[in-house]
Every structure is written in structure tokens, then in C-alpha cells.
Amino acid sequence: MKRLLKSKSFRAGLVITVIMVLVTVAGYFFSPYDPEYMDLSLKFAGVSPGHIMGCDNFGRDIFSRVLCGCRTTLLVATGTVLIGCVGGVIVGSLTGYFGGVFDTVVMRINDVIFAFPAVLIALVFASLFGNGEATMILALGIAFIPSFARMVRSEFIRNRSLDYVESARLQGAGNVRIIFAHILPNAWPVLLQSVIIGFNNAVLAEAGLSYLGIGVQPPKASLGRMLSDAQSYIRISPGYALFPGLVIILMVLGLGLMGRSSYE
């Protein structure tokens, strides 16, 4: 972590990400307006002191909806990375540590899942369980497991024959203790890199799925859904698309700078 903090791009990305998170958290407790409240008299109202980002085609305050959309994006991204990371750590640590036929069979299944695009998995889950945040989190989380599993597995293969592991084994440590108390902590730097990149990809995936209408459904706000709705009114109200798009760019930029620095 100290090495990462010495990187200017990592610090810049961290600042952007922290600001976005703080604004989102603050918006959870304070929002200028109800993001779902409609006032047709304010339809496509421009930027003003009362509506700093203007209003949309239903007269809803865009700033309030952007704050709500940020919460949705971060919730989905957090749930996605949590499922992907936990599942990937379990699969990657077991296959990398034990190897053999178990490793071959499980990793072939892992490759099959990895071959399917996240959008396709989300479509299947949406058809089975309906659209919504929970469905999107579950679908994306499963789609993210293979990438985490590959990363963790490679670290376990590299570490399992090192001296400190052999020493722990000679001292009577069991497999569970060796996996979670000895090897996994040494795989933490690589896992941290994967988590940062995973958050970045999850933000883009949520925005993309919501844009396609698979994710969060109206009237609940989502940044991707706002972009989708705004494309029909881009000439009438450019800010309707500009502000949600800018927020997505800032989120991806912050996480991207942090992720790129972790590989330097």
C-alpha cells in the first residue's frame, strides 16, 4: 500500500474515488428533492439555483436522480465485487493449492463461465428472476468469479512450494490453516489489484446493463438508465445526458487510475 501511495496517478484516482463516494453517501442522507417526484411544469427546466443540473422530461430534478443513480451504481458494484471476490478466492485457493484432477475439472468449469459475456449471463438471470438490482448483482457476481479465481490460483501455485509453506506444514499446520493463514495473506497485493479493477469493470457493467434496460427499472434512478432515456432528448436538454455521463466518467477515471497504478 505504501508503494501505491507514492504513485501520483494512484493518489489522484484515490482522491476522485473518495470524493465520489463521499458525495454519494451524503446524498443518501440529504437530497434536494425526491428523485422520483414529477412536476411536469418543470419539464426540461434548465440549470438554476433551485435545480443545479436542471430537470428531465418528467420534471424530476436531475441532480437528485444522479445522487440516487450513484448509490445504485456503487451498491451493484460492491455486491458484484463481493460475490466475485469471495467466490474467486474460494475457487482459486482450493484449485491452486491442491492441483491435480480437482484443479483441472474446476478450472475447465471456470473457463466455461468466463467464456460467456456478462451481458448474456445477466439476460439469462433477468429472464429467470426478473429485472432488478438483486438479479444484476447475482449475475455480474457470478460472471466476475472466474477472473478472481484465475488471479488467486496463480498466486497459490507460485507460493505453495515455497519454504515458508513447507515450514508451516512440517510444524503440523493443516491445509485450511496454510491456505487462509499463510498463503492467502501473501496473495493480498494481487487480490487488491483485482478488487480495484473489478470495481471499475462493475461500474461499467452496471451502467451498460441499465442502459440496455436489463438492470434497474423505472422510476428508480440509474446512471445508465438516465443516459438511455436522455438520448431521445439530447438536443432539447443536453444536460440530461451530460451530467450522468460525466459522473460515470469520473467514477471510471478514479478507479482506472488506481488500477493502472497497482500494475506499475
C-alpha atoms as a PDB file:
ATOM      1  CA  MET A   1       0.000   0.000   0.000  1.00  0.00           C
ATOM      2  CA  LYS A   2       2.864   2.387   0.784  1.00  0.00           C
ATOM      3  CA  ARG A   3       4.247   1.797  -2.711  1.00  0.00           C
ATOM      4  CA  LEU A   4       0.875   2.621  -4.253  1.00  0.00           C
ATOM      5  CA  LEU A   5       0.514   5.827  -2.247  1.00  0.00           C
ATOM      6  CA  LYS A   6       3.799   7.052  -3.708  1.00  0.00           C
ATOM      7  CA  SER A   7       2.243   6.978  -7.177  1.00  0.00           C
ATOM      8  CA  LYS A   8       0.764  10.296  -8.302  1.00  0.00           C
ATOM      9  CA  SER A   9      -1.813   8.619 -10.523  1.00  0.00           C
ATOM     10  CA  PHE A  10      -2.929   6.338  -7.674  1.00  0.00           C
ATOM     11  CA  ARG A  11      -3.323   9.317  -5.332  1.00  0.00           C
ATOM     12  CA  ALA A  12      -5.254  11.231  -7.993  1.00  0.00           C
ATOM     13  CA  GLY A  13      -7.539   8.249  -8.585  1.00  0.00           C
ATOM     14  CA  LEU A  14      -7.990   7.762  -4.849  1.00  0.00           C
ATOM     15  CA  VAL A  15      -8.981  11.420  -4.387  1.00  0.00           C
ATOM     16  CA  ILE A  16     -11.522  11.245  -7.226  1.00  0.00           C
ATOM     17  CA  THR A  17     -12.970   7.969  -5.924  1.00  0.00           C
ATOM     18  CA  VAL A  18     -13.193   9.180  -2.317  1.00  0.00           C
ATOM     19  CA  ILE A  19     -14.942  12.392  -3.412  1.00  0.00           C
ATOM     20  CA  MET A  20     -17.456  10.408  -5.468  1.00  0.00           C
ATOM     21  CA  VAL A  21     -18.123   8.044  -2.559  1.00  0.00           C
ATOM     22  CA  LEU A  22     -18.496  10.902  -0.066  1.00  0.00           C
ATOM     23  CA  VAL A  23     -20.914  12.758  -2.355  1.00  0.00           C
ATOM     24  CA  THR A  24     -22.928   9.567  -2.819  1.00  0.00           C
ATOM     25  CA  VAL A  25     -23.054   8.852   0.921  1.00  0.00           C
ATOM     26  CA  ALA A  26     -24.011  12.473   1.646  1.00  0.00           C
ATOM     27  CA  GLY A  27     -26.757  12.212  -0.969  1.00  0.00           C
ATOM     28  CA  TYR A  28     -28.173   9.211   0.882  1.00  0.00           C
ATOM     29  CA  PHE A  29     -28.898  11.406   3.894  1.00  0.00           C
ATOM     30  CA  PHE A  30     -29.639  14.643   2.059  1.00  0.00           C
ATOM     31  CA  SER A  31     -31.170  15.070  -1.371  1.00  0.00           C
ATOM     32  CA  PRO A  32     -32.623  18.370  -2.619  1.00  0.00           C
ATOM     33  CA  TYR A  33     -35.737  16.648  -3.965  1.00  0.00           C
ATOM     34  CA  ASP A  34     -37.377  13.255  -4.108  1.00  0.00           C
ATOM     35  CA  PRO A  35     -35.666  11.667  -7.160  1.00  0.00           C
ATOM     36  CA  GLU A  36     -38.971  10.112  -8.236  1.00  0.00           C
ATOM     37  CA  TYR A  37     -41.134  13.224  -7.757  1.00  0.00           C
ATOM     38  CA  MET A  38     -42.576  14.503 -11.054  1.00  0.00           C
ATOM     39  CA  ASP A  39     -43.556  18.101 -11.777  1.00  0.00           C
ATOM     40  CA  LEU A  40     -44.479  18.474 -15.433  1.00  0.00           C
ATOM     41  CA  SER A  41     -44.428  22.252 -15.113  1.00  0.00           C
ATOM     42  CA  LEU A  42     -40.635  21.908 -14.781  1.00  0.00           C
ATOM     43  CA  LYS A  43     -40.245  19.637 -17.810  1.00  0.00           C
ATOM     44  CA  PHE A  44     -36.752  20.196 -19.288  1.00  0.00           C
ATOM     45  CA  ALA A  45     -36.166  23.137 -16.952  1.00  0.00           C
ATOM     46  CA  GLY A  46     -32.635  24.446 -17.352  1.00  0.00           C
ATOM     47  CA  VAL A  47     -29.888  24.827 -14.790  1.00  0.00           C
ATOM     48  CA  SER A  48     -30.937  27.171 -11.981  1.00  0.00           C
ATOM     49  CA  PRO A  49     -30.143  27.788  -8.291  1.00  0.00           C
ATOM     50  CA  GLY A  50     -33.050  25.519  -7.373  1.00  0.00           C
ATOM     51  CA  HIS A  51     -32.102  22.785  -9.860  1.00  0.00           C
ATOM     52  CA  ILE A  52     -28.352  22.892 -10.352  1.00  0.00           C
ATOM     53  CA  MET A  53     -28.462  20.234 -13.104  1.00  0.00           C
ATOM     54  CA  GLY A  54     -31.892  21.085 -14.468  1.00  0.00           C
ATOM     55  CA  CYS A  55     -34.876  18.759 -14.794  1.00  0.00           C
ATOM     56  CA  ASP A  56     -35.685  15.815 -17.051  1.00  0.00           C
ATOM     57  CA  ASN A  57     -38.627  15.018 -19.337  1.00  0.00           C
ATOM     58  CA  PHE A  58     -40.885  14.358 -16.340  1.00  0.00           C
ATOM     59  CA  GLY A  59     -39.801  17.428 -14.402  1.00  0.00           C
ATOM     60  CA  ARG A  60     -37.698  15.393 -11.972  1.00  0.00           C
ATOM     61  CA  ASP A  61     -34.595  17.016 -10.501  1.00  0.00           C
ATOM     62  CA  ILE A  62     -31.570  15.610 -12.368  1.00  0.00           C
ATOM     63  CA  PHE A  63     -29.138  16.254  -9.515  1.00  0.00           C
ATOM     64  CA  SER A  64     -31.286  14.241  -7.086  1.00  0.00           C
ATOM     65  CA  ARG A  65     -31.561  11.434  -9.613  1.00  0.00           C
ATOM     66  CA  VAL A  66     -27.804  11.467 -10.247  1.00  0.00           C
ATOM     67  CA  LEU A  67     -27.217  11.084  -6.496  1.00  0.00           C
ATOM     68  CA  CYS A  68     -29.671   8.175  -6.416  1.00  0.00           C
ATOM     69  CA  GLY A  69     -28.050   6.688  -9.524  1.00  0.00           C
ATOM     70  CA  CYS A  70     -24.630   6.862  -7.850  1.00  0.00           C
ATOM     71  CA  ARG A  71     -25.990   4.903  -4.896  1.00  0.00           C
ATOM     72  CA  THR A  72     -27.377   2.278  -7.251  1.00  0.00           C
ATOM     73  CA  THR A  73     -24.103   2.000  -9.152  1.00  0.00           C
ATOM     74  CA  LEU A  74     -21.972   1.706  -6.010  1.00  0.00           C
ATOM     75  CA  LEU A  75     -24.383  -0.797  -4.448  1.00  0.00           C
ATOM     76  CA  VAL A  76     -24.321  -3.017  -7.535  1.00  0.00           C
ATOM     77  CA  ALA A  77     -20.538  -2.660  -7.921  1.00  0.00           C
ATOM     78  CA  THR A  78     -19.934  -3.510  -4.258  1.00  0.00           C
ATOM     79  CA  GLY A  79     -22.236  -6.534  -4.345  1.00  0.00           C
ATOM     80  CA  THR A  80     -20.723  -7.716  -7.621  1.00  0.00           C
ATOM     81  CA  VAL A  81     -17.131  -7.475  -6.394  1.00  0.00           C
ATOM     82  CA  LEU A  82     -18.031  -9.084  -3.067  1.00  0.00           C
ATOM     83  CA  ILE A  83     -19.578 -12.138  -4.733  1.00  0.00           C
ATOM     84  CA  GLY A  84     -16.852 -12.326  -7.369  1.00  0.00           C
ATOM     85  CA  CYS A  85     -14.032 -11.904  -4.847  1.00  0.00           C
ATOM     86  CA  VAL A  86     -15.331 -14.384  -2.259  1.00  0.00           C
ATOM     87  CA  GLY A  87     -16.209 -16.967  -4.900  1.00  0.00           C
ATOM     88  CA  GLY A  88     -12.938 -16.411  -6.742  1.00  0.00           C
ATOM     89  CA  VAL A  89     -10.841 -16.697  -3.571  1.00  0.00           C
ATOM     90  CA  ILE A  90     -12.511 -19.981  -2.632  1.00  0.00           C
ATOM     91  CA  VAL A  91     -12.167 -21.485  -6.115  1.00  0.00           C
ATOM     92  CA  GLY A  92      -8.694 -20.101  -6.795  1.00  0.00           C
ATOM     93  CA  SER A  93      -7.211 -21.055  -3.425  1.00  0.00           C
ATOM     94  CA  LEU A  94      -8.520 -24.629  -3.489  1.00  0.00           C
ATOM     95  CA  THR A  95      -7.541 -25.326  -7.090  1.00  0.00           C
ATOM     96  CA  GLY A  96      -4.166 -23.628  -6.776  1.00  0.00           C
ATOM     97  CA  TYR A  97      -3.294 -25.376  -3.528  1.00  0.00           C
ATOM     98  CA  PHE A  98      -4.470 -28.920  -4.245  1.00  0.00           C
ATOM     99  CA  GLY A  99      -3.936 -29.027  -8.016  1.00  0.00           C
ATOM    100  CA  GLY A 100      -4.327 -32.339  -9.830  1.00  0.00           C
ATOM    101  CA  VAL A 101      -7.613 -33.589 -11.291  1.00  0.00           C
ATOM    102  CA  PHE A 102      -9.621 -31.319  -8.982  1.00  0.00           C
ATOM    103  CA  ASP A 103      -7.811 -28.302 -10.380  1.00  0.00           C
ATOM    104  CA  THR A 104      -8.327 -29.420 -13.980  1.00  0.00           C
ATOM    105  CA  VAL A 105     -12.062 -30.085 -13.630  1.00  0.00           C
ATOM    106  CA  VAL A 106     -12.894 -26.939 -11.653  1.00  0.00           C
ATOM    107  CA  MET A 107     -10.830 -24.643 -13.876  1.00  0.00           C
ATOM    108  CA  ARG A 108     -12.472 -26.036 -17.025  1.00  0.00           C
ATOM    109  CA  ILE A 109     -15.845 -25.126 -15.491  1.00  0.00           C
ATOM    110  CA  ASN A 110     -14.354 -21.751 -14.615  1.00  0.00           C
ATOM    111  CA  ASP A 111     -13.274 -21.282 -18.243  1.00  0.00           C
ATOM    112  CA  VAL A 112     -16.767 -22.100 -19.489  1.00  0.00           C
ATOM    113  CA  ILE A 113     -18.272 -19.397 -17.259  1.00  0.00           C
ATOM    114  CA  PHE A 114     -15.519 -16.972 -18.302  1.00  0.00           C
ATOM    115  CA  ALA A 115     -16.381 -17.582 -21.975  1.00  0.00           C
ATOM    116  CA  PHE A 116     -19.907 -16.191 -21.521  1.00  0.00           C
ATOM    117  CA  PRO A 117     -20.217 -12.379 -21.649  1.00  0.00           C
ATOM    118  CA  ALA A 118     -21.621 -10.735 -18.526  1.00  0.00           C
ATOM    119  CA  VAL A 119     -24.461  -9.294 -20.600  1.00  0.00           C
ATOM    120  CA  LEU A 120     -25.557 -12.771 -21.698  1.00  0.00           C
ATOM    121  CA  ILE A 121     -25.474 -14.086 -18.120  1.00  0.00           C
ATOM    122  CA  ALA A 122     -27.486 -11.054 -16.992  1.00  0.00           C
ATOM    123  CA  LEU A 123     -30.062 -11.698 -19.727  1.00  0.00           C
ATOM    124  CA  VAL A 124     -30.466 -15.307 -18.611  1.00  0.00           C
ATOM    125  CA  PHE A 125     -30.904 -14.291 -14.967  1.00  0.00           C
ATOM    126  CA  ALA A 126     -33.314 -11.494 -15.919  1.00  0.00           C
ATOM    127  CA  SER A 127     -35.472 -13.962 -17.851  1.00  0.00           C
ATOM    128  CA  LEU A 128     -35.499 -16.347 -14.876  1.00  0.00           C
ATOM    129  CA  PHE A 129     -35.793 -13.955 -11.945  1.00  0.00           C
ATOM    130  CA  GLY A 130     -36.867 -10.647 -13.478  1.00  0.00           C
ATOM    131  CA  ASN A 131     -35.028  -7.341 -13.729  1.00  0.00           C
ATOM    132  CA  GLY A 132     -33.690  -5.501 -10.699  1.00  0.00           C
ATOM    133  CA  GLU A 133     -30.660  -4.781  -8.550  1.00  0.00           C
ATOM    134  CA  ALA A 134     -30.511  -8.194  -6.875  1.00  0.00           C
ATOM    135  CA  THR A 135     -30.640 -10.017 -10.203  1.00  0.00           C
ATOM    136  CA  MET A 136     -27.938  -7.792 -11.677  1.00  0.00           C
ATOM    137  CA  ILE A 137     -25.663  -8.215  -8.643  1.00  0.00           C
ATOM    138  CA  LEU A 138     -26.022 -12.005  -8.708  1.00  0.00           C
ATOM    139  CA  ALA A 139     -25.459 -12.250 -12.471  1.00  0.00           C
ATOM    140  CA  LEU A 140     -22.446  -9.944 -12.534  1.00  0.00           C
ATOM    141  CA  GLY A 141     -21.031 -11.501  -9.369  1.00  0.00           C
ATOM    142  CA  ILE A 142     -21.053 -14.958 -10.958  1.00  0.00           C
ATOM    143  CA  ALA A 143     -19.571 -13.535 -14.164  1.00  0.00           C
ATOM    144  CA  PHE A 144     -16.721 -11.973 -12.147  1.00  0.00           C
ATOM    145  CA  ILE A 145     -15.772 -15.144 -10.229  1.00  0.00           C
ATOM    146  CA  PRO A 146     -13.543 -16.639 -12.998  1.00  0.00           C
ATOM    147  CA  SER A 147     -11.254 -13.600 -13.238  1.00  0.00           C
ATOM    148  CA  PHE A 148     -10.715 -13.506  -9.470  1.00  0.00           C
ATOM    149  CA  ALA A 149     -10.226 -17.288  -9.371  1.00  0.00           C
ATOM    150  CA  ARG A 150      -7.525 -17.188 -12.044  1.00  0.00           C
ATOM    151  CA  MET A 151      -5.587 -14.481 -10.257  1.00  0.00           C
ATOM    152  CA  VAL A 152      -5.745 -16.187  -6.843  1.00  0.00           C
ATOM    153  CA  ARG A 153      -4.944 -19.603  -8.317  1.00  0.00           C
ATOM    154  CA  SER A 154      -1.762 -18.332  -9.957  1.00  0.00           C
ATOM    155  CA  GLU A 155      -0.599 -16.879  -6.628  1.00  0.00           C
ATOM    156  CA  PHE A 156      -1.294 -20.136  -4.783  1.00  0.00           C
ATOM    157  CA  ILE A 157       0.587 -22.169  -7.394  1.00  0.00           C
ATOM    158  CA  ARG A 158       3.536 -19.805  -7.022  1.00  0.00           C
ATOM    159  CA  ASN A 159       3.512 -19.905  -3.210  1.00  0.00           C
ATOM    160  CA  ARG A 160       2.537 -23.477  -2.328  1.00  0.00           C
ATOM    161  CA  SER A 161       6.062 -24.892  -2.768  1.00  0.00           C
ATOM    162  CA  LEU A 162       7.957 -22.032  -1.093  1.00  0.00           C
ATOM    163  CA  ASP A 163       9.930 -22.562   2.088  1.00  0.00           C
ATOM    164  CA  TYR A 164       7.501 -20.808   4.454  1.00  0.00           C
ATOM    165  CA  VAL A 165       4.681 -23.137   3.352  1.00  0.00           C
ATOM    166  CA  GLU A 166       6.856 -26.229   3.780  1.00  0.00           C
ATOM    167  CA  SER A 167       7.905 -24.956   7.201  1.00  0.00           C
ATOM    168  CA  ALA A 168       4.283 -24.479   8.271  1.00  0.00           C
ATOM    169  CA  ARG A 169       3.434 -27.954   7.020  1.00  0.00           C
ATOM    170  CA  LEU A 170       6.347 -29.513   8.970  1.00  0.00           C
ATOM    171  CA  GLN A 171       5.151 -27.727  12.109  1.00  0.00           C
ATOM    172  CA  GLY A 172       1.830 -29.538  11.815  1.00  0.00           C
ATOM    173  CA  ALA A 173      -0.328 -26.832  10.232  1.00  0.00           C
ATOM    174  CA  GLY A 174      -3.356 -28.237   8.431  1.00  0.00           C
ATOM    175  CA  ASN A 175      -4.408 -27.399   4.890  1.00  0.00           C
ATOM    176  CA  VAL A 176      -7.050 -24.895   5.989  1.00  0.00           C
ATOM    177  CA  ARG A 177      -4.552 -23.000   8.165  1.00  0.00           C
ATOM    178  CA  ILE A 178      -1.920 -22.998   5.427  1.00  0.00           C
ATOM    179  CA  ILE A 179      -4.403 -21.725   2.853  1.00  0.00           C
ATOM    180  CA  PHE A 180      -6.006 -18.946   4.869  1.00  0.00           C
ATOM    181  CA  ALA A 181      -3.330 -18.027   7.420  1.00  0.00           C
ATOM    182  CA  HIS A 182      -0.161 -18.381   5.359  1.00  0.00           C
ATOM    183  CA  ILE A 183      -0.646 -18.254   1.587  1.00  0.00           C
ATOM    184  CA  LEU A 184      -3.721 -16.018   1.271  1.00  0.00           C
ATOM    185  CA  PRO A 185      -2.200 -13.059   3.191  1.00  0.00           C
ATOM    186  CA  ASN A 186       0.753 -13.178   0.784  1.00  0.00           C
ATOM    187  CA  ALA A 187      -1.640 -13.067  -2.152  1.00  0.00           C
ATOM    188  CA  TRP A 188      -3.274  -9.907  -0.788  1.00  0.00           C
ATOM    189  CA  PRO A 189      -1.398  -7.387  -3.026  1.00  0.00           C
ATOM    190  CA  VAL A 190      -2.532  -9.182  -6.183  1.00  0.00           C
ATOM    191  CA  LEU A 191      -6.043  -9.578  -4.789  1.00  0.00           C
ATOM    192  CA  LEU A 192      -6.194  -5.844  -4.055  1.00  0.00           C
ATOM    193  CA  GLN A 193      -5.324  -5.094  -7.675  1.00  0.00           C
ATOM    194  CA  SER A 194      -8.092  -7.430  -8.807  1.00  0.00           C
ATOM    195  CA  VAL A 195     -10.622  -5.762  -6.493  1.00  0.00           C
ATOM    196  CA  ILE A 196      -9.816  -2.281  -7.835  1.00  0.00           C
ATOM    197  CA  ILE A 197     -10.074  -3.431 -11.458  1.00  0.00           C
ATOM    198  CA  GLY A 198     -13.205  -5.385 -10.555  1.00  0.00           C
ATOM    199  CA  PHE A 199     -14.903  -2.260  -9.180  1.00  0.00           C
ATOM    200  CA  ASN A 200     -14.003  -0.398 -12.358  1.00  0.00           C
ATOM    201  CA  ASN A 201     -15.471  -3.137 -14.551  1.00  0.00           C
ATOM    202  CA  ALA A 202     -18.543  -3.470 -12.324  1.00  0.00           C
ATOM    203  CA  VAL A 203     -19.342   0.253 -12.637  1.00  0.00           C
ATOM    204  CA  LEU A 204     -19.159   0.000 -16.427  1.00  0.00           C
ATOM    205  CA  ALA A 205     -21.162  -3.240 -16.451  1.00  0.00           C
ATOM    206  CA  GLU A 206     -23.945  -1.779 -14.300  1.00  0.00           C
ATOM    207  CA  ALA A 207     -24.165   1.330 -16.457  1.00  0.00           C
ATOM    208  CA  GLY A 208     -24.179  -0.754 -19.627  1.00  0.00           C
ATOM    209  CA  LEU A 209     -26.843  -3.192 -18.437  1.00  0.00           C
ATOM    210  CA  SER A 210     -29.074  -0.397 -17.139  1.00  0.00           C
ATOM    211  CA  TYR A 211     -28.622   1.418 -20.449  1.00  0.00           C
ATOM    212  CA  LEU A 212     -29.875  -1.711 -22.220  1.00  0.00           C
ATOM    213  CA  GLY A 213     -32.857  -1.899 -19.837  1.00  0.00           C
ATOM    214  CA  ILE A 214     -31.739  -5.095 -18.097  1.00  0.00           C
ATOM    215  CA  GLY A 215     -30.840  -3.567 -14.750  1.00  0.00           C
ATOM    216  CA  VAL A 216     -32.657  -1.119 -12.504  1.00  0.00           C
ATOM    217  CA  GLN A 217     -36.158  -0.346 -13.734  1.00  0.00           C
ATOM    218  CA  PRO A 218     -38.045   2.992 -13.731  1.00  0.00           C
ATOM    219  CA  PRO A 219     -38.921   5.016 -11.824  1.00  0.00           C
ATOM    220  CA  LYS A 220     -35.824   4.209  -9.756  1.00  0.00           C
ATOM    221  CA  ALA A 221     -32.793   6.159 -10.921  1.00  0.00           C
ATOM    222  CA  SER A 222     -29.734   4.597 -12.536  1.00  0.00           C
ATOM    223  CA  LEU A 223     -26.952   6.428 -14.342  1.00  0.00           C
ATOM    224  CA  GLY A 224     -27.055   4.057 -17.296  1.00  0.00           C
ATOM    225  CA  ARG A 225     -30.850   4.234 -17.496  1.00  0.00           C
ATOM    226  CA  MET A 226     -30.707   8.030 -17.388  1.00  0.00           C
ATOM    227  CA  LEU A 227     -28.331   8.013 -20.355  1.00  0.00           C
ATOM    228  CA  SER A 228     -30.671   5.695 -22.231  1.00  0.00           C
ATOM    229  CA  ASP A 229     -33.696   7.915 -21.545  1.00  0.00           C
ATOM    230  CA  ALA A 230     -31.770  11.098 -22.357  1.00  0.00           C
ATOM    231  CA  GLN A 231     -30.656  10.080 -25.851  1.00  0.00           C
ATOM    232  CA  SER A 232     -34.057  10.977 -27.293  1.00  0.00           C
ATOM    233  CA  TYR A 233     -33.813  14.484 -25.868  1.00  0.00           C
ATOM    234  CA  ILE A 234     -30.144  15.249 -26.419  1.00  0.00           C
ATOM    235  CA  ARG A 235     -30.872  18.380 -28.477  1.00  0.00           C
ATOM    236  CA  ILE A 236     -33.634  19.635 -26.209  1.00  0.00           C
ATOM    237  CA  SER A 237     -31.801  19.065 -22.918  1.00  0.00           C
ATOM    238  CA  PRO A 238     -28.077  18.258 -23.319  1.00  0.00           C
ATOM    239  CA  GLY A 239     -27.574  18.342 -19.554  1.00  0.00           C
ATOM    240  CA  TYR A 240     -29.924  15.378 -19.146  1.00  0.00           C
ATOM    241  CA  ALA A 241     -27.250  13.150 -20.713  1.00  0.00           C
ATOM    242  CA  LEU A 242     -24.184  15.246 -19.860  1.00  0.00           C
ATOM    243  CA  PHE A 243     -24.356  15.066 -16.070  1.00  0.00           C
ATOM    244  CA  PRO A 244     -24.973  11.294 -15.643  1.00  0.00           C
ATOM    245  CA  GLY A 245     -22.340  10.621 -18.306  1.00  0.00           C
ATOM    246  CA  LEU A 246     -19.830  12.870 -16.552  1.00  0.00           C
ATOM    247  CA  VAL A 247     -20.390  11.084 -13.238  1.00  0.00           C
ATOM    248  CA  ILE A 248     -19.799   7.678 -14.874  1.00  0.00           C
ATOM    249  CA  ILE A 249     -16.598   9.026 -16.461  1.00  0.00           C
ATOM    250  CA  LEU A 250     -15.337  10.326 -13.098  1.00  0.00           C
ATOM    251  CA  MET A 251     -16.070   7.020 -11.368  1.00  0.00           C
ATOM    252  CA  VAL A 252     -14.301   5.015 -14.055  1.00  0.00           C
ATOM    253  CA  LEU A 253     -11.420   7.516 -14.231  1.00  0.00           C
ATOM    254  CA  GLY A 254     -10.775   7.374 -10.480  1.00  0.00           C
ATOM    255  CA  LEU A 255     -10.862   3.587 -10.310  1.00  0.00           C
ATOM    256  CA  GLY A 256      -8.935   3.296 -13.573  1.00  0.00           C
ATOM    257  CA  LEU A 257      -6.080   5.468 -12.300  1.00  0.00           C
ATOM    258  CA  MET A 258      -5.901   3.421  -9.112  1.00  0.00           C
ATOM    259  CA  GLY A 259      -5.985   0.151 -11.032  1.00  0.00           C
ATOM    260  CA  ARG A 260      -3.332   1.212 -13.532  1.00  0.00           C
ATOM    261  CA  SER A 261      -1.010   2.363 -10.737  1.00  0.00           C
ATOM    262  CA  SER A 262      -1.310  -1.004  -8.997  1.00  0.00           C
ATOM    263  CA  TYR A 263       0.299  -2.685 -12.015  1.00  0.00           C
ATOM    264  CA  GLU A 264       3.166  -0.191 -12.347  1.00  0.00           C
END
